[in-house]
Amino acid sequence: MLWETVDADRALRDRFGFTSEQAAADWAVATVRARWGVRATGCSRIVMSDRNALAWLDTDDDPVLLKWCVEPSRFRRLAVAADVAAWLGARGLPVSAPVPAVDGSVQVDGSVQLDGSVQLEVDGVSAGLQRVVVGDLLDVADPAEVRATGAALARVHHALAEYPRPADVGALRPAPLPLVDQVAGWLDHVPEHLPAEAVDLLRALLAAAPTASMPLQVVHGDVRSANVLLADGVVVGMLDLEELRTDHRVVELTRAAVMLGTRYRDWGPTPEAARRTFLDGYTSVSPLTPTEAAWWDLLVLWTSLALVPPGDDPTLWRAAADEQVARLREGGPSWSADRTV
């Protein structure tokens, strides 16, 4: 299990319908052979997260990863996400591009005919196949890796702004309200356990926030350490596009900055120094507009406050929010003119 503390054998049976790990492995191998024409020879590992499962499969060449979901309400989202990943991969962006399926026919030379589908509904599940991306998860204690991740996100955002079918992504969830309305609505029902000084500062920042519109575009949706792989200091994979959405890029940028260090069961705030380095990496490729820059500190504080839990706070989200309040009271904004265009 990636993050849940439940019995894996029970989850495999009750959620995915397999009586044993071997039964799941046999199904994965057979499915990849039949639907993708990939001669998988065995399964080395199966990981589950909620109603998703991933199987690492050995082949005569490089290993592959079969990912499937048993929740029908997510099938459309998975199909759209696979199309976006394929489009990004074709343009050389660091994503785990899906492998096209086959139509079952065999050519004269013995090859199989690709049918172009990158997400299939088979045996009541939605499944996709990827090549295994070799790398290590982002270490937010390494400034070079953090800066590289910011730069990579900027390049992904630049590409996604040109995605030819944004309506497919936009149809997955309601369009976001104007940012002023989003924050104001949250403040109207602010949880009582949050520090009053931080909430007051957020209200003051909102009162001074620009009202100029910013463009909406397709964004990744879940940029954090658990979804970023690097090799030799280079980002080789920005994984898991399943939460992609239409939003302002600065909203994703600030959310990623706050949550950059989070992994599966390690869910703590990103240090301020790492947030600055992440922003520097991003703006070295794509500077913010003055309007986007004016939203940076507000959105970082808002995201940080929204993550402060009631009661015990073992990973110190409240302390991180308090630290940001103190810094803003004393030293001003995180961004500067050289990060804007």
Protein backbone atom coordinates (compact mmCIF):
# COMPACT_ATOMS: atom_id res chain seq x y z
CA MET A 1 0.00 0.00 0.00
CA LEU A 2 1.38 3.39 -0.95
CA TRP A 3 -0.06 5.37 1.93
CA GLU A 4 -2.88 3.45 3.58
CA THR A 5 -2.43 1.31 6.68
CA VAL A 6 -4.72 -1.50 5.58
CA ASP A 7 -4.09 -5.18 4.89
CA ALA A 8 -2.78 -5.50 1.33
CA ASP A 9 -4.20 -8.99 0.72
CA ARG A 10 -7.65 -7.85 1.79
CA ALA A 11 -7.46 -4.73 -0.40
CA LEU A 12 -6.37 -6.85 -3.36
CA ARG A 13 -9.38 -9.13 -2.87
CA ASP A 14 -12.08 -6.67 -1.86
CA ARG A 15 -11.18 -3.77 -4.17
CA PHE A 16 -9.66 -5.49 -7.18
CA GLY A 17 -11.25 -8.93 -7.13
CA PHE A 18 -8.10 -11.06 -7.02
CA THR A 19 -7.86 -14.03 -4.69
CA SER A 20 -4.09 -13.77 -4.46
CA GLU A 21 -1.09 -11.73 -5.53
CA GLN A 22 -0.23 -14.43 -8.05
CA ALA A 23 -3.68 -14.19 -9.61
CA ALA A 24 -3.24 -10.43 -10.01
CA ALA A 25 0.24 -10.90 -11.48
CA ASP A 26 -1.00 -13.50 -13.97
CA TRP A 27 -3.82 -11.20 -15.09
CA ALA A 28 -1.40 -8.27 -15.55
CA VAL A 29 1.02 -10.34 -17.63
CA ALA A 30 -1.74 -11.77 -19.81
CA THR A 31 -3.39 -8.36 -20.32
CA VAL A 32 -0.17 -6.66 -21.39
CA ARG A 33 0.58 -9.47 -23.83
CA ALA A 34 -2.91 -9.49 -25.35
CA ARG A 35 -3.70 -5.77 -25.44
CA TRP A 36 -0.29 -4.16 -25.90
CA GLY A 37 1.65 -6.89 -27.65
CA VAL A 38 4.39 -6.67 -25.01
CA ARG A 39 5.83 -10.04 -24.01
CA ALA A 40 5.85 -9.62 -20.25
CA THR A 41 7.64 -12.47 -18.53
CA GLY A 42 6.68 -11.89 -14.91
CA CYS A 43 5.54 -9.42 -12.27
CA SER A 44 8.04 -8.18 -9.69
CA ARG A 45 5.82 -5.89 -7.63
CA ILE A 46 2.23 -4.71 -7.16
CA VAL A 47 1.37 -1.48 -5.33
CA MET A 48 -2.11 -0.23 -4.47
CA SER A 49 -3.44 3.23 -3.71
CA ASP A 50 -7.15 3.67 -3.05
CA ARG A 51 -8.81 2.01 -6.09
CA ASN A 52 -5.71 2.16 -8.30
CA ALA A 53 -3.11 -0.57 -8.71
CA LEU A 54 0.31 -0.63 -10.36
CA ALA A 55 2.22 -3.71 -11.48
CA TRP A 56 5.90 -3.68 -12.42
CA LEU A 57 6.37 -6.21 -15.21
CA ASP A 58 9.58 -7.72 -16.54
CA THR A 59 10.08 -8.13 -20.28
CA ASP A 60 12.91 -9.27 -22.54
CA ASP A 61 13.76 -5.57 -22.90
CA ASP A 62 13.09 -2.76 -20.41
CA PRO A 63 10.48 -3.24 -17.66
CA VAL A 64 7.00 -1.78 -18.05
CA LEU A 65 4.37 -0.55 -15.63
CA LEU A 66 0.71 -1.48 -15.91
CA LYS A 67 -1.62 0.84 -14.02
CA TRP A 68 -5.31 0.14 -13.67
CA CYS A 69 -8.29 1.60 -11.86
CA VAL A 70 -11.50 -0.11 -10.77
CA GLU A 71 -13.51 3.09 -10.11
CA PRO A 72 -15.72 3.75 -13.18
CA SER A 73 -16.30 7.39 -12.27
CA ARG A 74 -12.59 8.03 -13.00
CA PHE A 75 -12.39 6.27 -16.36
CA ARG A 76 -13.02 9.40 -18.44
CA ARG A 77 -10.43 11.38 -16.47
CA LEU A 78 -7.86 8.61 -16.95
CA ALA A 79 -8.47 8.55 -20.70
CA VAL A 80 -8.00 12.32 -20.97
CA ALA A 81 -4.90 12.22 -18.78
CA ALA A 82 -3.37 9.49 -20.94
CA ASP A 83 -4.00 11.55 -24.08
CA VAL A 84 -2.33 14.60 -22.48
CA ALA A 85 0.66 12.52 -21.35
CA ALA A 86 1.06 11.07 -24.84
CA TRP A 87 0.92 14.56 -26.35
CA LEU A 88 3.54 15.89 -23.93
CA GLY A 89 5.77 12.87 -24.42
CA ALA A 90 5.70 13.32 -28.19
CA ARG A 91 7.08 16.81 -27.62
CA GLY A 92 9.97 15.64 -25.50
CA LEU A 93 8.60 16.75 -22.13
CA PRO A 94 9.64 14.70 -19.07
CA VAL A 95 6.51 12.62 -18.53
CA SER A 96 5.86 8.91 -18.44
CA ALA A 97 4.29 8.63 -21.87
CA PRO A 98 1.78 5.78 -22.30
CA VAL A 99 2.45 2.89 -24.66
CA PRO A 100 -0.10 2.61 -27.51
CA ALA A 101 -2.19 -0.54 -27.51
CA VAL A 102 -2.43 -2.96 -30.43
CA ASP A 103 -5.44 -3.96 -32.44
CA GLY A 104 -4.62 -7.65 -32.33
CA SER A 105 -3.57 -8.03 -35.95
CA VAL A 106 -0.14 -9.35 -36.93
CA GLN A 107 1.71 -7.93 -39.94
CA VAL A 108 3.62 -9.94 -42.52
CA ASP A 109 6.91 -9.14 -40.79
CA GLY A 110 5.58 -10.50 -37.51
CA SER A 111 5.02 -7.09 -35.88
CA VAL A 112 1.76 -6.03 -34.31
CA GLN A 113 -0.35 -3.14 -35.54
CA LEU A 114 -0.74 -0.21 -33.17
CA ASP A 115 -4.27 1.14 -32.90
CA GLY A 116 -3.28 4.38 -31.17
CA SER A 117 -5.29 3.86 -27.99
CA VAL A 118 -3.31 4.70 -24.86
CA GLN A 119 -5.96 3.93 -22.22
CA LEU A 120 -8.16 0.85 -22.48
CA GLU A 121 -11.25 -0.40 -20.71
CA VAL A 122 -10.69 -4.12 -20.25
CA ASP A 123 -12.26 -6.64 -17.86
CA GLY A 124 -14.21 -3.82 -16.20
CA VAL A 125 -11.17 -1.67 -15.41
CA SER A 126 -9.40 1.27 -17.04
CA ALA A 127 -5.79 0.35 -17.79
CA GLY A 128 -2.72 2.01 -19.26
CA LEU A 129 0.82 0.83 -19.91
CA GLN A 130 4.01 2.88 -19.45
CA ARG A 131 7.73 2.33 -19.73
CA VAL A 132 9.37 2.43 -16.32
CA VAL A 133 11.12 5.79 -15.82
CA VAL A 134 14.41 5.25 -13.99
CA GLY A 135 15.24 7.92 -11.43
CA ASP A 136 15.02 8.99 -7.80
CA LEU A 137 12.29 11.01 -6.14
CA LEU A 138 12.94 14.73 -5.79
CA ASP A 139 14.92 15.63 -2.67
CA VAL A 140 13.80 19.08 -1.51
CA ALA A 141 16.98 19.36 0.55
CA ASP A 142 18.96 19.51 -2.71
CA PRO A 143 18.73 23.07 -4.16
CA ALA A 144 19.91 21.95 -7.60
CA GLU A 145 17.14 19.36 -7.84
CA VAL A 146 14.53 21.82 -6.60
CA ARG A 147 15.62 24.45 -9.13
CA ALA A 148 15.61 21.87 -11.92
CA THR A 149 12.07 20.87 -10.95
CA GLY A 150 10.87 24.47 -11.09
CA ALA A 151 12.40 24.88 -14.54
CA ALA A 152 10.87 21.61 -15.74
CA LEU A 153 7.42 22.67 -14.52
CA ALA A 154 7.75 25.93 -16.43
CA ARG A 155 8.48 24.01 -19.63
CA VAL A 156 5.53 21.68 -19.01
CA HIS A 157 3.26 24.68 -18.38
CA HIS A 158 4.49 26.35 -21.57
CA ALA A 159 3.58 23.23 -23.54
CA LEU A 160 0.24 22.70 -21.80
CA ALA A 161 -0.79 26.26 -22.62
CA GLU A 162 -0.80 25.09 -26.26
CA TYR A 163 -2.61 21.78 -25.68
CA PRO A 164 -5.02 21.51 -28.64
CA ARG A 165 -7.98 20.04 -26.74
CA PRO A 166 -8.26 22.05 -23.50
CA ALA A 167 -12.04 21.55 -23.51
CA ASP A 168 -11.49 17.83 -22.84
CA VAL A 169 -9.68 18.72 -19.62
CA GLY A 170 -12.06 21.54 -18.74
CA ALA A 171 -15.02 19.16 -18.93
CA LEU A 172 -13.58 17.02 -16.12
CA ARG A 173 -14.50 19.52 -13.39
CA PRO A 174 -16.29 22.88 -13.09
CA ALA A 175 -14.32 25.92 -14.16
CA PRO A 176 -12.66 27.65 -11.19
CA LEU A 177 -14.22 30.77 -9.74
CA PRO A 178 -12.22 34.01 -9.92
CA LEU A 179 -9.36 33.82 -7.41
CA VAL A 180 -10.72 36.67 -5.32
CA ASP A 181 -14.01 34.82 -4.95
CA GLN A 182 -12.28 31.52 -4.13
CA VAL A 183 -10.25 32.98 -1.28
CA ALA A 184 -13.09 35.16 -0.02
CA GLY A 185 -15.43 32.16 0.05
CA TRP A 186 -12.89 30.17 2.04
CA LEU A 187 -12.44 33.04 4.49
CA ASP A 188 -16.19 33.19 5.00
CA HIS A 189 -15.99 29.70 6.51
CA VAL A 190 -12.45 29.68 7.86
CA PRO A 191 -11.84 26.82 10.34
CA GLU A 192 -11.66 27.98 13.95
CA HIS A 193 -8.40 26.16 14.71
CA LEU A 194 -6.33 28.35 12.38
CA PRO A 195 -4.09 31.09 13.86
CA ALA A 196 -5.96 34.39 13.93
CA GLU A 197 -2.94 36.49 12.96
CA ALA A 198 -2.40 34.45 9.81
CA VAL A 199 -6.06 34.66 8.85
CA ASP A 200 -6.05 38.44 9.40
CA LEU A 201 -2.99 38.79 7.19
CA LEU A 202 -4.63 36.70 4.48
CA ARG A 203 -7.65 39.04 4.58
CA ALA A 204 -5.35 42.05 4.23
CA LEU A 205 -3.48 40.48 1.31
CA LEU A 206 -6.78 39.68 -0.40
CA ALA A 207 -7.99 43.26 -0.01
CA ALA A 208 -4.87 44.42 -1.85
CA ALA A 209 -4.86 41.67 -4.47
CA PRO A 210 -5.06 42.67 -8.14
CA THR A 211 -8.36 42.09 -9.88
CA ALA A 212 -6.88 41.83 -13.38
CA SER A 213 -7.75 38.58 -15.08
CA MET A 214 -5.20 35.85 -15.70
CA PRO A 215 -5.44 33.19 -18.39
CA LEU A 216 -6.62 29.69 -17.63
CA GLN A 217 -4.75 26.72 -19.05
CA VAL A 218 -4.28 22.99 -18.57
CA VAL A 219 -2.02 22.25 -15.58
CA HIS A 220 -0.49 19.07 -14.15
CA GLY A 221 -2.57 19.06 -10.95
CA ASP A 222 -0.26 17.27 -8.47
CA VAL A 223 3.36 18.46 -8.57
CA ARG A 224 5.28 17.24 -5.52
CA SER A 225 8.20 15.03 -4.59
CA ALA A 226 6.21 11.80 -4.92
CA ASN A 227 5.56 12.62 -8.58
CA VAL A 228 8.95 13.97 -9.70
CA LEU A 229 11.85 11.73 -10.73
CA LEU A 230 15.39 12.95 -11.41
CA ALA A 231 18.50 11.26 -12.77
CA ASP A 232 21.90 12.97 -12.56
CA GLY A 233 20.21 16.22 -11.60
CA VAL A 234 17.83 16.22 -14.58
CA VAL A 235 14.06 15.85 -14.28
CA VAL A 236 13.21 12.69 -16.21
CA GLY A 237 9.62 12.21 -15.08
CA MET A 238 6.76 14.40 -13.88
CA LEU A 239 4.40 11.58 -13.09
CA ASP A 240 0.71 11.07 -12.36
CA LEU A 241 -1.32 13.45 -14.50
CA GLU A 242 -4.56 12.05 -13.11
CA GLU A 243 -5.37 15.27 -11.25
CA LEU A 244 -4.88 17.52 -14.29
CA ARG A 245 -7.26 20.43 -14.53
CA THR A 246 -7.81 23.85 -16.06
CA ASP A 247 -6.50 26.57 -13.77
CA HIS A 248 -4.16 29.56 -13.51
CA ARG A 249 -0.54 28.48 -13.69
CA VAL A 250 0.36 30.55 -10.60
CA VAL A 251 -2.18 28.57 -8.57
CA GLU A 252 -0.41 25.32 -9.46
CA LEU A 253 2.99 26.95 -8.96
CA THR A 254 2.21 28.10 -5.42
CA ARG A 255 0.51 24.85 -4.45
CA ALA A 256 3.50 22.92 -5.77
CA ALA A 257 5.88 25.17 -3.84
CA VAL A 258 4.05 24.52 -0.56
CA MET A 259 3.63 20.78 -1.10
CA LEU A 260 6.83 20.05 -3.00
CA GLY A 261 8.35 17.90 -0.25
CA THR A 262 5.31 15.70 0.36
CA ARG A 263 5.47 12.00 -0.39
CA TYR A 264 3.26 9.04 0.42
CA ARG A 265 3.19 9.02 4.22
CA ASP A 266 5.56 11.96 4.75
CA TRP A 267 3.28 14.97 4.48
CA GLY A 268 5.09 18.07 5.74
CA PRO A 269 5.61 21.65 4.51
CA THR A 270 8.36 22.71 2.14
CA PRO A 271 11.01 24.97 3.74
CA GLU A 272 10.94 28.61 2.67
CA ALA A 273 14.42 28.38 1.14
CA ALA A 274 13.28 25.52 -1.09
CA ARG A 275 10.17 27.45 -2.13
CA ARG A 276 12.34 30.38 -3.21
CA THR A 277 14.68 28.09 -5.15
CA PHE A 278 11.71 26.39 -6.83
CA LEU A 279 10.35 29.80 -7.87
CA ASP A 280 13.79 30.86 -9.13
CA GLY A 281 13.97 27.73 -11.29
CA TYR A 282 10.52 28.33 -12.72
CA THR A 283 11.06 32.01 -13.49
CA SER A 284 14.46 31.33 -15.08
CA VAL A 285 12.45 29.70 -17.87
CA SER A 286 9.14 31.58 -17.66
CA PRO A 287 8.98 34.79 -15.59
CA LEU A 288 5.71 35.63 -13.85
CA THR A 289 3.59 38.53 -14.98
CA PRO A 290 3.25 41.36 -12.42
CA THR A 291 -0.31 40.17 -11.68
CA GLU A 292 0.84 36.60 -11.05
CA ALA A 293 3.70 37.80 -8.86
CA ALA A 294 1.29 39.88 -6.79
CA TRP A 295 -0.68 36.72 -6.00
CA TRP A 296 2.32 34.61 -4.98
CA ASP A 297 2.51 35.30 -1.22
CA LEU A 298 -1.26 35.31 -0.81
CA LEU A 299 -1.63 31.92 -2.46
CA VAL A 300 1.30 30.41 -0.58
CA LEU A 301 -0.20 31.55 2.73
CA TRP A 302 -3.69 30.37 1.77
CA THR A 303 -2.44 26.93 0.72
CA SER A 304 -0.37 26.62 3.88
CA LEU A 305 -3.29 27.51 6.13
CA ALA A 306 -5.61 25.09 4.35
CA LEU A 307 -3.18 22.28 5.24
CA VAL A 308 -2.99 23.04 8.98
CA PRO A 309 -4.83 20.15 10.67
CA PRO A 310 -7.08 20.52 13.71
CA GLY A 311 -5.60 19.07 16.86
CA ASP A 312 -2.18 17.44 16.63
CA ASP A 313 0.16 18.80 13.97
CA PRO A 314 3.12 16.39 13.89
CA THR A 315 4.54 17.72 10.63
CA LEU A 316 4.34 21.39 11.73
CA TRP A 317 2.07 22.95 9.12
CA ARG A 318 0.97 25.58 11.65
CA ALA A 319 4.58 26.50 12.42
CA ALA A 320 5.24 26.90 8.70
CA ALA A 321 2.26 29.25 8.35
CA ASP A 322 3.38 31.25 11.40
CA GLU A 323 6.88 31.51 9.92
CA GLN A 324 5.47 32.88 6.69
CA VAL A 325 3.39 35.44 8.57
CA ALA A 326 6.45 36.62 10.49
CA ARG A 327 8.50 36.87 7.32
CA LEU A 328 5.84 38.88 5.50
CA ARG A 329 5.41 41.22 8.48
CA GLU A 330 9.15 41.84 8.65
CA GLY A 331 10.69 41.34 5.26
CA GLY A 332 8.16 41.79 2.50
CA PRO A 333 7.31 39.54 -0.45
CA SER A 334 9.14 36.46 -1.70
CA TRP A 335 9.21 37.56 -5.32
CA SER A 336 11.15 40.41 -6.91
CA ALA A 337 11.12 42.37 -10.15
CA ASP A 338 13.54 40.02 -11.91
CA ARG A 339 10.97 37.22 -11.66
CA THR A 340 8.36 39.14 -13.64
CA VAL A 341 7.82 40.19 -17.19
